Amino acid sequence: MENFIKTKSSEISCAFAEVATQGYKHILTFEIDSTKLSPDYATKINITERGNFVEMFKELQAFKDLPAIYYFGINKEIDYNEIIKVIEDTSKANDLNFPANNKNNVNNGILYVGKVKSCAWGRLIQHLGYHQNQQSHGLQIDYWAKMISKPLKLTYTIMFFDKNIANFIEILETELAKKYKPIIGKH
């Protein structure tokens, strides 16, 4: 047991030493125009090949094998309680699985912080609400975005890392969530 702990700690230490000196490999930020979201992306149109978001998915697919942490920004002037209520009502009405609400009770401008070991573009499809398995956890943005009382301003920022950090990416996700206190997500 002791040798395992030492070996694993050394592995983690080496992986994060590289991140500490070199940072992430690449960062992308996209504005997601919620008025251009459509249920057709779930049933009729492949969002990665046609429609308003093709270029975003092409950029993301270039990093398909890399681990990443990401966050969704949201306009701060939207009331925290409104966001939670709309998402909870949407979840009940459509039998969807959303990530847990945080208990911060404040909209700090960060909706959600997440991580992937690979295939970030596939996870984004889940968050937008277009995954074939509607029972998968995700933000399901298309289901509720147009129900918010003010125009929704969403951003999606993603930082890609070398593959050696994949098994430890959750540590960075947790620390980023502690710092930014997202509205949604169990951190």
Protein backbone atom coordinates (compact mmCIF):
# COMPACT_ATOMS: atom_id res chain seq x y z
CA MET A 1 0.00 0.00 0.00
CA GLU A 2 2.75 2.46 0.94
CA ASN A 3 4.63 1.82 -2.30
CA PHE A 4 1.46 2.35 -4.31
CA ILE A 5 0.84 5.69 -2.55
CA LYS A 6 4.42 6.81 -3.19
CA THR A 7 4.39 5.71 -6.82
CA LYS A 8 1.02 7.31 -7.55
CA SER A 9 2.03 10.52 -5.76
CA SER A 10 5.22 10.68 -7.80
CA GLU A 11 3.24 10.17 -11.01
CA ILE A 12 0.80 12.95 -10.07
CA SER A 13 3.65 15.21 -9.02
CA CYS A 14 5.48 14.76 -12.33
CA ALA A 15 2.32 15.40 -14.35
CA PHE A 16 1.50 18.59 -12.46
CA ALA A 17 5.13 19.78 -12.47
CA GLU A 18 4.84 19.90 -16.25
CA VAL A 19 1.55 21.81 -16.06
CA ALA A 20 3.08 24.18 -13.48
CA THR A 21 5.90 25.11 -15.85
CA GLN A 22 4.15 24.90 -19.24
CA GLY A 23 0.48 25.51 -18.44
CA TYR A 24 -2.21 24.19 -20.72
CA LYS A 25 -1.54 23.21 -24.35
CA HIS A 26 -4.30 25.28 -25.93
CA ILE A 27 -7.29 27.41 -24.93
CA LEU A 28 -10.42 28.17 -26.93
CA THR A 29 -13.33 30.44 -26.10
CA PHE A 30 -16.62 30.51 -27.98
CA GLU A 31 -19.76 32.57 -27.64
CA ILE A 32 -22.81 30.35 -27.87
CA ASP A 33 -25.74 32.21 -29.36
CA SER A 34 -28.68 30.52 -27.66
CA THR A 35 -31.10 31.99 -30.23
CA LYS A 36 -29.44 29.71 -32.81
CA LEU A 37 -29.96 26.53 -30.79
CA SER A 38 -32.63 24.25 -32.22
CA PRO A 39 -34.19 20.90 -31.31
CA ASP A 40 -33.43 19.91 -34.92
CA TYR A 41 -29.82 19.38 -33.81
CA ALA A 42 -31.03 16.48 -31.67
CA THR A 43 -33.06 14.74 -34.34
CA LYS A 44 -32.57 16.06 -37.89
CA ILE A 45 -29.26 17.90 -38.22
CA ASN A 46 -25.79 16.74 -37.18
CA ILE A 47 -24.58 19.84 -35.31
CA THR A 48 -20.96 18.99 -36.09
CA GLU A 49 -21.58 18.95 -39.86
CA ARG A 50 -24.34 21.48 -40.59
CA GLY A 51 -25.84 24.57 -39.03
CA ASN A 52 -24.55 27.42 -36.91
CA PHE A 53 -21.91 25.65 -34.84
CA VAL A 54 -19.84 23.70 -37.40
CA GLU A 55 -16.70 25.84 -37.06
CA MET A 56 -16.74 25.56 -33.26
CA PHE A 57 -16.95 21.76 -33.45
CA LYS A 58 -14.19 21.59 -36.09
CA GLU A 59 -11.87 23.50 -33.77
CA LEU A 60 -12.77 21.29 -30.82
CA GLN A 61 -12.36 18.07 -32.81
CA ALA A 62 -8.74 19.00 -33.55
CA PHE A 63 -8.07 18.26 -29.85
CA LYS A 64 -10.27 15.17 -29.57
CA ASP A 65 -7.72 12.98 -27.78
CA LEU A 66 -6.68 15.51 -25.13
CA PRO A 67 -7.99 15.97 -21.61
CA ALA A 68 -9.50 19.33 -20.82
CA ILE A 69 -11.20 21.48 -18.23
CA TYR A 70 -13.90 23.87 -19.33
CA TYR A 71 -16.44 26.30 -18.03
CA PHE A 72 -19.59 27.97 -19.25
CA GLY A 73 -19.85 31.67 -18.55
CA ILE A 74 -23.27 33.30 -18.16
CA ASN A 75 -24.31 36.92 -17.85
CA LYS A 76 -24.21 38.00 -14.20
CA GLU A 77 -27.36 40.10 -14.35
CA ILE A 78 -29.55 37.00 -14.55
CA ASP A 79 -30.76 36.14 -11.07
CA TYR A 80 -29.37 32.92 -9.59
CA ASN A 81 -32.82 31.81 -8.38
CA GLU A 82 -34.32 32.29 -11.85
CA ILE A 83 -31.63 30.10 -13.42
CA ILE A 84 -32.15 27.36 -10.82
CA LYS A 85 -35.94 27.47 -11.11
CA VAL A 86 -35.93 27.33 -14.90
CA ILE A 87 -33.48 24.40 -14.89
CA GLU A 88 -35.39 22.51 -12.17
CA ASP A 89 -38.72 23.04 -13.96
CA THR A 90 -37.15 21.92 -17.26
CA SER A 91 -35.70 18.84 -15.61
CA LYS A 92 -39.06 17.80 -14.19
CA ALA A 93 -41.03 18.55 -17.35
CA ASN A 94 -38.66 16.65 -19.63
CA ASP A 95 -37.28 13.97 -17.29
CA LEU A 96 -33.69 15.18 -17.81
CA ASN A 97 -30.61 14.69 -15.65
CA PHE A 98 -28.93 17.97 -14.78
CA PRO A 99 -25.83 18.34 -12.64
CA ALA A 100 -26.56 19.23 -9.00
CA ASN A 101 -27.12 22.85 -7.97
CA ASN A 102 -24.40 24.46 -5.92
CA LYS A 103 -25.31 26.12 -2.67
CA ASN A 104 -23.55 29.40 -3.45
CA ASN A 105 -26.88 31.14 -4.13
CA VAL A 106 -25.06 33.71 -6.27
CA ASN A 107 -24.51 34.16 -9.98
CA ASN A 108 -20.77 34.88 -10.22
CA GLY A 109 -20.90 34.67 -14.02
CA ILE A 110 -19.93 30.98 -14.17
CA LEU A 111 -22.70 28.51 -14.91
CA TYR A 112 -20.72 25.26 -14.81
CA VAL A 113 -17.17 23.89 -14.57
CA GLY A 114 -16.37 20.50 -16.05
CA LYS A 115 -13.68 18.16 -17.28
CA VAL A 116 -13.15 15.47 -19.89
CA LYS A 117 -10.40 12.92 -20.35
CA SER A 118 -10.94 13.14 -24.12
CA CYS A 119 -13.60 14.02 -26.71
CA ALA A 120 -14.53 17.46 -25.42
CA TRP A 121 -16.69 18.08 -28.47
CA GLY A 122 -18.88 15.08 -27.58
CA ARG A 123 -19.38 16.36 -24.05
CA LEU A 124 -20.39 19.76 -25.43
CA ILE A 125 -23.12 18.05 -27.48
CA GLN A 126 -24.50 16.66 -24.19
CA HIS A 127 -24.41 20.07 -22.54
CA LEU A 128 -26.19 21.70 -25.46
CA GLY A 129 -28.95 19.07 -25.13
CA TYR A 130 -28.39 17.10 -28.33
CA HIS A 131 -27.01 13.77 -27.12
CA GLN A 132 -29.00 10.72 -28.22
CA ASN A 133 -29.19 9.52 -24.60
CA GLN A 134 -31.22 12.24 -22.93
CA GLN A 135 -30.65 10.59 -19.56
CA SER A 136 -26.96 11.50 -19.56
CA HIS A 137 -26.02 14.31 -17.18
CA GLY A 138 -25.52 17.64 -18.88
CA LEU A 139 -26.68 21.24 -18.88
CA GLN A 140 -29.26 20.54 -21.63
CA ILE A 141 -29.01 24.22 -22.61
CA ASP A 142 -31.38 24.10 -25.58
CA TYR A 143 -34.23 22.96 -23.32
CA TRP A 144 -34.17 26.05 -21.09
CA ALA A 145 -32.09 28.84 -22.66
CA LYS A 146 -35.03 30.61 -24.28
CA MET A 147 -37.04 30.56 -21.04
CA ILE A 148 -34.71 32.96 -19.20
CA SER A 149 -36.20 36.46 -18.86
CA LYS A 150 -33.15 38.27 -20.27
CA PRO A 151 -31.14 37.53 -23.41
CA LEU A 152 -28.75 34.74 -22.47
CA LYS A 153 -25.07 35.40 -23.07
CA LEU A 154 -23.18 32.12 -22.87
CA THR A 155 -19.49 31.55 -23.37
CA TYR A 156 -17.66 28.24 -23.46
CA THR A 157 -13.98 28.28 -22.54
CA ILE A 158 -11.90 25.12 -22.73
CA MET A 159 -8.28 24.45 -21.82
CA PHE A 160 -6.58 21.37 -23.28
CA PHE A 161 -3.69 19.57 -21.57
CA ASP A 162 -1.17 16.87 -22.48
CA LYS A 163 -2.49 13.29 -22.27
CA ASN A 164 -0.40 12.53 -19.17
CA ILE A 165 -2.76 14.66 -17.06
CA ALA A 166 -5.93 12.77 -18.12
CA ASN A 167 -6.23 10.63 -14.98
CA PHE A 168 -5.72 13.66 -12.75
CA ILE A 169 -7.77 16.30 -14.60
CA GLU A 170 -10.45 16.11 -11.90
CA ILE A 171 -8.05 17.79 -9.46
CA LEU A 172 -7.83 20.86 -11.71
CA GLU A 173 -11.60 20.84 -12.27
CA THR A 174 -12.26 20.78 -8.53
CA GLU A 175 -9.84 23.63 -7.84
CA LEU A 176 -11.26 25.75 -10.68
CA ALA A 177 -14.78 25.18 -9.37
CA LYS A 178 -13.74 26.16 -5.83
CA LYS A 179 -12.30 29.40 -7.18
CA TYR A 180 -15.20 30.36 -9.48
CA LYS A 181 -18.17 28.89 -7.56
CA PRO A 182 -20.36 27.89 -10.51
CA ILE A 183 -24.14 27.90 -10.26
CA ILE A 184 -24.40 24.23 -11.21
CA GLY A 185 -22.13 21.24 -10.54
CA LYS A 186 -21.23 19.20 -7.47
CA HIS A 187 -17.87 20.59 -6.39
